[in-house]
Amino acid sequence: MLSAEAARSEIASDFWMSRTQRRLLTTDGVTAFSSMDVMDTARQHIDTELEAMHIAFSLMQARRNRLSSISLLAPEVLLNVFAFLAVCDPPV
């Protein structure tokens, strides 16, 4: 039997795989033997999907980062910490 975390991970993985496959249906059957126009269109479609996925991934990372304890610190405190570190341990 799967743990609750493993089950959630499997469900999430299944969800994203099925969504991705559905979004790429328009490129099914396109191969290196397809015409240049067809391949270019497929590449453009995939690039658009990758760009959208990157944005979604960035949003998820930002949401996760907001759950970090360090996000409770005021920006001014972080500025002072890193300014101090830059003086104490300058880059080589």
PDB file of N, CA and C in Angstrom:
ATOM      1  N   MET A   1       0.838  -1.183   0.000  1.00  0.00           N
ATOM      2  CA  MET A   1       0.000   0.000   0.000  1.00  0.00           C
ATOM      3  C   MET A   1       0.885   1.250   0.000  1.00  0.00           C
ATOM      4  N   LEU A   2       0.507   2.242  -0.792  1.00  0.00           N
ATOM      5  CA  LEU A   2       1.278   3.481  -0.887  1.00  0.00           C
ATOM      6  C   LEU A   2       1.028   4.381   0.311  1.00  0.00           C
ATOM      7  N   SER A   3       2.080   5.073   0.736  1.00  0.00           N
ATOM      8  CA  SER A   3       1.885   6.079   1.779  1.00  0.00           C
ATOM      9  C   SER A   3       1.071   7.229   1.197  1.00  0.00           C
ATOM     10  N   ALA A   4       0.528   8.059   2.069  1.00  0.00           N
ATOM     11  CA  ALA A   4      -0.285   9.193   1.605  1.00  0.00           C
ATOM     12  C   ALA A   4       0.542  10.109   0.717  1.00  0.00           C
ATOM     13  N   GLU A   5       1.799  10.357   1.105  1.00  0.00           N
ATOM     14  CA  GLU A   5       2.665  11.241   0.311  1.00  0.00           C
ATOM     15  C   GLU A   5       2.961  10.628  -1.052  1.00  0.00           C
ATOM     16  N   ALA A   6       3.238   9.326  -1.086  1.00  0.00           N
ATOM     17  CA  ALA A   6       3.502   8.647  -2.360  1.00  0.00           C
ATOM     18  C   ALA A   6       2.270   8.675  -3.249  1.00  0.00           C
ATOM     19  N   ALA A   7       1.107   8.502  -2.660  1.00  0.00           N
ATOM     20  CA  ALA A   7      -0.136   8.532  -3.436  1.00  0.00           C
ATOM     21  C   ALA A   7      -0.367   9.920  -4.023  1.00  0.00           C
ATOM     22  N   ARG A   8      -0.134  10.982  -3.216  1.00  0.00           N
ATOM     23  CA  ARG A   8      -0.279  12.354  -3.729  1.00  0.00           C
ATOM     24  C   ARG A   8       0.705  12.617  -4.861  1.00  0.00           C
ATOM     25  N   SER A   9       1.930  12.131  -4.688  1.00  0.00           N
ATOM     26  CA  SER A   9       2.950  12.317  -5.722  1.00  0.00           C
ATOM     27  C   SER A   9       2.557  11.615  -7.014  1.00  0.00           C
ATOM     28  N   GLU A  10       2.027  10.407  -6.891  1.00  0.00           N
ATOM     29  CA  GLU A  10       1.596   9.650  -8.068  1.00  0.00           C
ATOM     30  C   GLU A  10       0.426  10.350  -8.743  1.00  0.00           C
ATOM     31  N   ILE A  11      -0.509  10.847  -7.962  1.00  0.00           N
ATOM     32  CA  ILE A  11      -1.662  11.549  -8.530  1.00  0.00           C
ATOM     33  C   ILE A  11      -1.196  12.803  -9.260  1.00  0.00           C
ATOM     34  N   ALA A  12      -0.291  13.570  -8.648  1.00  0.00           N
ATOM     35  CA  ALA A  12       0.229  14.784  -9.281  1.00  0.00           C
ATOM     36  C   ALA A  12       0.968  14.442 -10.573  1.00  0.00           C
ATOM     37  N   SER A  13       1.779  13.402 -10.515  1.00  0.00           N
ATOM     38  CA  SER A  13       2.530  12.987 -11.699  1.00  0.00           C
ATOM     39  C   SER A  13       1.590  12.567 -12.827  1.00  0.00           C
ATOM     40  N   ASP A  14       0.581  11.780 -12.485  1.00  0.00           N
ATOM     41  CA  ASP A  14      -0.401  11.350 -13.493  1.00  0.00           C
ATOM     42  C   ASP A  14      -1.114  12.551 -14.101  1.00  0.00           C
ATOM     43  N   PHE A  15      -1.488  13.503 -13.253  1.00  0.00           N
ATOM     44  CA  PHE A  15      -2.185  14.698 -13.724  1.00  0.00           C
ATOM     45  C   PHE A  15      -1.335  15.452 -14.747  1.00  0.00           C
ATOM     46  N   TRP A  16      -0.089  15.760 -14.386  1.00  0.00           N
ATOM     47  CA  TRP A  16       0.749  16.563 -15.274  1.00  0.00           C
ATOM     48  C   TRP A  16       1.123  15.803 -16.540  1.00  0.00           C
ATOM     49  N   MET A  17       1.321  14.493 -16.425  1.00  0.00           N
ATOM     50  CA  MET A  17       1.625  13.700 -17.624  1.00  0.00           C
ATOM     51  C   MET A  17       0.436  13.691 -18.580  1.00  0.00           C
ATOM     52  N   SER A  18      -0.769  13.491 -18.059  1.00  0.00           N
ATOM     53  CA  SER A  18      -1.941  13.452 -18.945  1.00  0.00           C
ATOM     54  C   SER A  18      -2.194  14.817 -19.571  1.00  0.00           C
ATOM     55  N   ARG A  19      -2.020  15.882 -18.796  1.00  0.00           N
ATOM     56  CA  ARG A  19      -2.199  17.232 -19.348  1.00  0.00           C
ATOM     57  C   ARG A  19      -1.168  17.523 -20.434  1.00  0.00           C
ATOM     58  N   THR A  20       0.065  17.158 -20.174  1.00  0.00           N
ATOM     59  CA  THR A  20       1.134  17.410 -21.153  1.00  0.00           C
ATOM     60  C   THR A  20       0.875  16.630 -22.437  1.00  0.00           C
ATOM     61  N   GLN A  21       0.518  15.365 -22.296  1.00  0.00           N
ATOM     62  CA  GLN A  21       0.235  14.556 -23.482  1.00  0.00           C
ATOM     63  C   GLN A  21      -0.918  15.143 -24.276  1.00  0.00           C
ATOM     64  N   ARG A  22      -1.943  15.614 -23.576  1.00  0.00           N
ATOM     65  CA  ARG A  22      -3.094  16.211 -24.259  1.00  0.00           C
ATOM     66  C   ARG A  22      -2.676  17.483 -24.993  1.00  0.00           C
ATOM     67  N   ARG A  23      -1.823  18.293 -24.358  1.00  0.00           N
ATOM     68  CA  ARG A  23      -1.387  19.557 -24.972  1.00  0.00           C
ATOM     69  C   ARG A  23      -0.496  19.309 -26.194  1.00  0.00           C
ATOM     70  N   LEU A  24       0.134  18.146 -26.260  1.00  0.00           N
ATOM     71  CA  LEU A  24       1.040  17.856 -27.376  1.00  0.00           C
ATOM     72  C   LEU A  24       0.414  17.009 -28.481  1.00  0.00           C
ATOM     73  N   LEU A  25      -0.886  16.780 -28.393  1.00  0.00           N
ATOM     74  CA  LEU A  25      -1.560  15.961 -29.411  1.00  0.00           C
ATOM     75  C   LEU A  25      -1.356  16.501 -30.821  1.00  0.00           C
ATOM     76  N   THR A  26      -1.271  17.816 -30.949  1.00  0.00           N
ATOM     77  CA  THR A  26      -1.127  18.402 -32.287  1.00  0.00           C
ATOM     78  C   THR A  26       0.216  18.058 -32.928  1.00  0.00           C
ATOM     79  N   THR A  27       1.167  17.584 -32.115  1.00  0.00           N
ATOM     80  CA  THR A  27       2.478  17.240 -32.681  1.00  0.00           C
ATOM     81  C   THR A  27       2.636  15.737 -32.898  1.00  0.00           C
ATOM     82  N   ASP A  28       1.608  14.964 -32.543  1.00  0.00           N
ATOM     83  CA  ASP A  28       1.676  13.515 -32.780  1.00  0.00           C
ATOM     84  C   ASP A  28       1.852  13.245 -34.267  1.00  0.00           C
ATOM     85  N   GLY A  29       2.712  12.336 -34.571  1.00  0.00           N
ATOM     86  CA  GLY A  29       2.941  11.959 -35.959  1.00  0.00           C
ATOM     87  C   GLY A  29       3.978  12.816 -36.666  1.00  0.00           C
ATOM     88  N   VAL A  30       4.406  13.901 -36.043  1.00  0.00           N
ATOM     89  CA  VAL A  30       5.446  14.738 -36.647  1.00  0.00           C
ATOM     90  C   VAL A  30       6.790  14.118 -36.296  1.00  0.00           C
ATOM     91  N   THR A  31       7.591  13.878 -37.328  1.00  0.00           N
ATOM     92  CA  THR A  31       8.909  13.263 -37.133  1.00  0.00           C
ATOM     93  C   THR A  31       9.949  14.051 -37.916  1.00  0.00           C
ATOM     94  N   ALA A  32      11.177  13.609 -37.819  1.00  0.00           N
ATOM     95  CA  ALA A  32      12.258  14.233 -38.581  1.00  0.00           C
ATOM     96  C   ALA A  32      12.058  14.045 -40.081  1.00  0.00           C
ATOM     97  N   PHE A  33      11.156  13.149 -40.481  1.00  0.00           N
ATOM     98  CA  PHE A  33      10.872  12.925 -41.892  1.00  0.00           C
ATOM     99  C   PHE A  33       9.733  13.802 -42.401  1.00  0.00           C
ATOM    100  N   SER A  34       9.098  14.541 -41.501  1.00  0.00           N
ATOM    101  CA  SER A  34       8.008  15.441 -41.891  1.00  0.00           C
ATOM    102  C   SER A  34       8.582  16.634 -42.650  1.00  0.00           C
ATOM    103  N   SER A  35       7.714  17.372 -43.336  1.00  0.00           N
ATOM    104  CA  SER A  35       8.183  18.543 -44.078  1.00  0.00           C
ATOM    105  C   SER A  35       8.714  19.590 -43.100  1.00  0.00           C
ATOM    106  N   MET A  36       9.549  20.468 -43.603  1.00  0.00           N
ATOM    107  CA  MET A  36      10.148  21.513 -42.770  1.00  0.00           C
ATOM    108  C   MET A  36       9.076  22.393 -42.143  1.00  0.00           C
ATOM    109  N   ASP A  37       8.045  22.732 -42.926  1.00  0.00           N
ATOM    110  CA  ASP A  37       6.973  23.572 -42.388  1.00  0.00           C
ATOM    111  C   ASP A  37       6.264  22.900 -41.215  1.00  0.00           C
ATOM    112  N   VAL A  38       5.990  21.621 -41.353  1.00  0.00           N
ATOM    113  CA  VAL A  38       5.299  20.879 -40.300  1.00  0.00           C
ATOM    114  C   VAL A  38       6.187  20.793 -39.057  1.00  0.00           C
ATOM    115  N   MET A  39       7.476  20.518 -39.275  1.00  0.00           N
ATOM    116  CA  MET A  39       8.398  20.439 -38.137  1.00  0.00           C
ATOM    117  C   MET A  39       8.553  21.788 -37.449  1.00  0.00           C
ATOM    118  N   ASP A  40       8.638  22.868 -38.232  1.00  0.00           N
ATOM    119  CA  ASP A  40       8.756  24.204 -37.639  1.00  0.00           C
ATOM    120  C   ASP A  40       7.529  24.555 -36.810  1.00  0.00           C
ATOM    121  N   THR A  41       6.357  24.223 -37.326  1.00  0.00           N
ATOM    122  CA  THR A  41       5.119  24.486 -36.594  1.00  0.00           C
ATOM    123  C   THR A  41       5.095  23.685 -35.296  1.00  0.00           C
ATOM    124  N   ALA A  42       5.499  22.422 -35.353  1.00  0.00           N
ATOM    125  CA  ALA A  42       5.528  21.570 -34.160  1.00  0.00           C
ATOM    126  C   ALA A  42       6.521  22.126 -33.142  1.00  0.00           C
ATOM    127  N   ARG A  43       7.689  22.544 -33.606  1.00  0.00           N
ATOM    128  CA  ARG A  43       8.689  23.121 -32.700  1.00  0.00           C
ATOM    129  C   ARG A  43       8.161  24.391 -32.034  1.00  0.00           C
ATOM    130  N   GLN A  44       7.508  25.244 -32.813  1.00  0.00           N
ATOM    131  CA  GLN A  44       6.949  26.477 -32.257  1.00  0.00           C
ATOM    132  C   GLN A  44       5.899  26.160 -31.192  1.00  0.00           C
ATOM    133  N   HIS A  45       5.066  25.167 -31.477  1.00  0.00           N
ATOM    134  CA  HIS A  45       4.039  24.759 -30.512  1.00  0.00           C
ATOM    135  C   HIS A  45       4.692  24.252 -29.218  1.00  0.00           C
ATOM    136  N   ILE A  46       5.695  23.405 -29.362  1.00  0.00           N
ATOM    137  CA  ILE A  46       6.382  22.866 -28.188  1.00  0.00           C
ATOM    138  C   ILE A  46       7.089  23.981 -27.423  1.00  0.00           C
ATOM    139  N   ASP A  47       7.730  24.907 -28.125  1.00  0.00           N
ATOM    140  CA  ASP A  47       8.394  26.034 -27.463  1.00  0.00           C
ATOM    141  C   ASP A  47       7.399  26.885 -26.682  1.00  0.00           C
ATOM    142  N   THR A  48       6.223  27.102 -27.254  1.00  0.00           N
ATOM    143  CA  THR A  48       5.179  27.861 -26.560  1.00  0.00           C
ATOM    144  C   THR A  48       4.738  27.131 -25.294  1.00  0.00           C
ATOM    145  N   GLU A  49       4.560  25.819 -25.395  1.00  0.00           N
ATOM    146  CA  GLU A  49       4.174  25.017 -24.236  1.00  0.00           C
ATOM    147  C   GLU A  49       5.265  25.053 -23.170  1.00  0.00           C
ATOM    148  N   LEU A  50       6.528  24.928 -23.591  1.00  0.00           N
ATOM    149  CA  LEU A  50       7.637  24.976 -22.633  1.00  0.00           C
ATOM    150  C   LEU A  50       7.700  26.319 -21.917  1.00  0.00           C
ATOM    151  N   GLU A  51       7.465  27.385 -22.651  1.00  0.00           N
ATOM    152  CA  GLU A  51       7.477  28.716 -22.039  1.00  0.00           C
ATOM    153  C   GLU A  51       6.359  28.837 -20.992  1.00  0.00           C
ATOM    154  N   ALA A  52       5.187  28.345 -21.322  1.00  0.00           N
ATOM    155  CA  ALA A  52       4.066  28.388 -20.376  1.00  0.00           C
ATOM    156  C   ALA A  52       4.360  27.505 -19.158  1.00  0.00           C
ATOM    157  N   MET A  53       4.966  26.348 -19.385  1.00  0.00           N
ATOM    158  CA  MET A  53       5.320  25.464 -18.279  1.00  0.00           C
ATOM    159  C   MET A  53       6.360  26.124 -17.380  1.00  0.00           C
ATOM    160  N   HIS A  54       7.302  26.825 -17.975  1.00  0.00           N
ATOM    161  CA  HIS A  54       8.328  27.520 -17.195  1.00  0.00           C
ATOM    162  C   HIS A  54       7.688  28.574 -16.296  1.00  0.00           C
ATOM    163  N   ILE A  55       6.728  29.306 -16.833  1.00  0.00           N
ATOM    164  CA  ILE A  55       6.019  30.318 -16.035  1.00  0.00           C
ATOM    165  C   ILE A  55       5.270  29.648 -14.887  1.00  0.00           C
ATOM    166  N   ALA A  56       4.575  28.558 -15.171  1.00  0.00           N
ATOM    167  CA  ALA A  56       3.831  27.834 -14.129  1.00  0.00           C
ATOM    168  C   ALA A  56       4.786  27.288 -13.075  1.00  0.00           C
ATOM    169  N   PHE A  57       5.912  26.751 -13.511  1.00  0.00           N
ATOM    170  CA  PHE A  57       6.922  26.220 -12.591  1.00  0.00           C
ATOM    171  C   PHE A  57       7.459  27.339 -11.697  1.00  0.00           C
ATOM    172  N   SER A  58       7.721  28.494 -12.278  1.00  0.00           N
ATOM    173  CA  SER A  58       8.217  29.638 -11.507  1.00  0.00           C
ATOM    174  C   SER A  58       7.196  30.088 -10.472  1.00  0.00           C
ATOM    175  N   LEU A  59       5.919  30.078 -10.845  1.00  0.00           N
ATOM    176  CA  LEU A  59       4.865  30.443  -9.899  1.00  0.00           C
ATOM    177  C   LEU A  59       4.809  29.463  -8.724  1.00  0.00           C
ATOM    178  N   MET A  60       4.958  28.180  -9.021  1.00  0.00           N
ATOM    179  CA  MET A  60       4.949  27.180  -7.952  1.00  0.00           C
ATOM    180  C   MET A  60       6.160  27.341  -7.039  1.00  0.00           C
ATOM    181  N   GLN A  61       7.324  27.603  -7.628  1.00  0.00           N
ATOM    182  CA  GLN A  61       8.517  27.813  -6.809  1.00  0.00           C
ATOM    183  C   GLN A  61       8.359  29.041  -5.918  1.00  0.00           C
ATOM    184  N   ALA A  62       7.798  30.114  -6.465  1.00  0.00           N
ATOM    185  CA  ALA A  62       7.590  31.330  -5.673  1.00  0.00           C
ATOM    186  C   ALA A  62       6.631  31.057  -4.522  1.00  0.00           C
ATOM    187  N   ARG A  63       5.567  30.305  -4.797  1.00  0.00           N
ATOM    188  CA  ARG A  63       4.613  29.962  -3.733  1.00  0.00           C
ATOM    189  C   ARG A  63       5.301  29.149  -2.659  1.00  0.00           C
ATOM    190  N   ARG A  64       6.123  28.174  -3.069  1.00  0.00           N
ATOM    191  CA  ARG A  64       6.840  27.339  -2.110  1.00  0.00           C
ATOM    192  C   ARG A  64       7.819  28.177  -1.299  1.00  0.00           C
ATOM    193  N   ASN A  65       8.523  29.088  -1.957  1.00  0.00           N
ATOM    194  CA  ASN A  65       9.495  29.935  -1.261  1.00  0.00           C
ATOM    195  C   ASN A  65       8.821  30.822  -0.220  1.00  0.00           C
ATOM    196  N   ARG A  66       7.589  31.241  -0.476  1.00  0.00           N
ATOM    197  CA  ARG A  66       6.876  32.076   0.499  1.00  0.00           C
ATOM    198  C   ARG A  66       6.557  31.313   1.777  1.00  0.00           C
ATOM    199  N   LEU A  67       6.623  29.989   1.725  1.00  0.00           N
ATOM    200  CA  LEU A  67       6.390  29.168   2.909  1.00  0.00           C
ATOM    201  C   LEU A  67       7.657  28.965   3.734  1.00  0.00           C
ATOM    202  N   SER A  68       8.771  29.498   3.251  1.00  0.00           N
ATOM    203  CA  SER A  68      10.043  29.375   3.947  1.00  0.00           C
ATOM    204  C   SER A  68      10.110  30.367   5.105  1.00  0.00           C
ATOM    205  N   SER A  69      10.726  29.950   6.190  1.00  0.00           N
ATOM    206  CA  SER A  69      10.843  30.811   7.375  1.00  0.00           C
ATOM    207  C   SER A  69      11.548  32.128   7.073  1.00  0.00           C
ATOM    208  N   ILE A  70      12.521  32.105   6.188  1.00  0.00           N
ATOM    209  CA  ILE A  70      13.277  33.325   5.899  1.00  0.00           C
ATOM    210  C   ILE A  70      12.392  34.397   5.264  1.00  0.00           C
ATOM    211  N   SER A  71      11.294  33.985   4.664  1.00  0.00           N
ATOM    212  CA  SER A  71      10.404  34.970   4.037  1.00  0.00           C
ATOM    213  C   SER A  71       9.696  35.840   5.081  1.00  0.00           C
ATOM    214  N   LEU A  72       9.792  35.442   6.351  1.00  0.00           N
ATOM    215  CA  LEU A  72       9.203  36.250   7.428  1.00  0.00           C
ATOM    216  C   LEU A  72      10.042  37.494   7.734  1.00  0.00           C
ATOM    217  N   LEU A  73      11.317  37.456   7.337  1.00  0.00           N
ATOM    218  CA  LEU A  73      12.198  38.593   7.607  1.00  0.00           C
ATOM    219  C   LEU A  73      11.873  39.763   6.685  1.00  0.00           C
ATOM    220  N   ALA A  74      11.983  40.946   7.227  1.00  0.00           N
ATOM    221  CA  ALA A  74      11.768  42.150   6.421  1.00  0.00           C
ATOM    222  C   ALA A  74      12.884  42.276   5.388  1.00  0.00           C
ATOM    223  N   PRO A  75      12.595  42.814   4.214  1.00  0.00           N
ATOM    224  CA  PRO A  75      13.634  42.973   3.185  1.00  0.00           C
ATOM    225  C   PRO A  75      14.831  43.777   3.701  1.00  0.00           C
ATOM    226  N   GLU A  76      14.587  44.742   4.585  1.00  0.00           N
ATOM    227  CA  GLU A  76      15.683  45.545   5.113  1.00  0.00           C
ATOM    228  C   GLU A  76      16.644  44.694   5.940  1.00  0.00           C
ATOM    229  N   VAL A  77      16.110  43.721   6.676  1.00  0.00           N
ATOM    230  CA  VAL A  77      16.960  42.837   7.476  1.00  0.00           C
ATOM    231  C   VAL A  77      17.830  41.997   6.551  1.00  0.00           C
ATOM    232  N   LEU A  78      17.227  41.444   5.519  1.00  0.00           N
ATOM    233  CA  LEU A  78      18.004  40.646   4.557  1.00  0.00           C
ATOM    234  C   LEU A  78      19.067  41.501   3.879  1.00  0.00           C
ATOM    235  N   LEU A  79      18.730  42.726   3.541  1.00  0.00           N
ATOM    236  CA  LEU A  79      19.696  43.636   2.927  1.00  0.00           C
ATOM    237  C   LEU A  79      20.894  43.833   3.848  1.00  0.00           C
ATOM    238  N   ASN A  80      20.638  44.060   5.121  1.00  0.00           N
ATOM    239  CA  ASN A  80      21.729  44.255   6.079  1.00  0.00           C
ATOM    240  C   ASN A  80      22.576  42.996   6.236  1.00  0.00           C
ATOM    241  N   VAL A  81      21.930  41.843   6.291  1.00  0.00           N
ATOM    242  CA  VAL A  81      22.667  40.585   6.426  1.00  0.00           C
ATOM    243  C   VAL A  81      23.599  40.386   5.240  1.00  0.00           C
ATOM    244  N   PHE A  82      23.072  40.557   4.025  1.00  0.00           N
ATOM    245  CA  PHE A  82      23.909  40.318   2.846  1.00  0.00           C
ATOM    246  C   PHE A  82      24.952  41.407   2.648  1.00  0.00           C
ATOM    247  N   ALA A  83      24.649  42.626   3.034  1.00  0.00           N
ATOM    248  CA  ALA A  83      25.652  43.691   2.974  1.00  0.00           C
ATOM    249  C   ALA A  83      26.803  43.370   3.927  1.00  0.00           C
ATOM    250  N   PHE A  84      26.470  42.907   5.117  1.00  0.00           N
ATOM    251  CA  PHE A  84      27.487  42.529   6.102  1.00  0.00           C
ATOM    252  C   PHE A  84      28.338  41.382   5.556  1.00  0.00           C
ATOM    253  N   LEU A  85      27.698  40.369   4.991  1.00  0.00           N
ATOM    254  CA  LEU A  85      28.422  39.234   4.441  1.00  0.00           C
ATOM    255  C   LEU A  85      29.342  39.640   3.283  1.00  0.00           C
ATOM    256  N   ALA A  86      28.881  40.586   2.488  1.00  0.00           N
ATOM    257  CA  ALA A  86      29.701  41.036   1.347  1.00  0.00           C
ATOM    258  C   ALA A  86      30.981  41.689   1.842  1.00  0.00           C
ATOM    259  N   VAL A  87      30.918  42.388   2.972  1.00  0.00           N
ATOM    260  CA  VAL A  87      32.112  43.025   3.541  1.00  0.00           C
ATOM    261  C   VAL A  87      33.011  41.980   4.196  1.00  0.00           C
ATOM    262  N   CYS A  88      32.387  41.059   4.944  1.00  0.00           N
ATOM    263  CA  CYS A  88      33.159  40.044   5.676  1.00  0.00           C
ATOM    264  C   CYS A  88      33.790  38.992   4.775  1.00  0.00           C
ATOM    265  N   ASP A  89      33.102  38.673   3.716  1.00  0.00           N
ATOM    266  CA  ASP A  89      33.553  37.596   2.829  1.00  0.00           C
ATOM    267  C   ASP A  89      33.348  38.008   1.382  1.00  0.00           C
ATOM    268  N   PRO A  90      34.175  38.947   0.894  1.00  0.00           N
ATOM    269  CA  PRO A  90      33.969  39.446  -0.491  1.00  0.00           C
ATOM    270  C   PRO A  90      34.233  38.345  -1.514  1.00  0.00           C
ATOM    271  N   PRO A  91      33.558  38.446  -2.655  1.00  0.00           N
ATOM    272  CA  PRO A  91      33.792  37.449  -3.719  1.00  0.00           C
ATOM    273  C   PRO A  91      35.226  37.551  -4.223  1.00  0.00           C
ATOM    274  N   VAL A  92      35.732  36.430  -4.641  1.00  0.00           N
ATOM    275  CA  VAL A  92      37.123  36.388  -5.124  1.00  0.00           C
ATOM    276  C   VAL A  92      37.178  36.707  -6.589  1.00  0.00           C
TER     277      VAL A  92
END
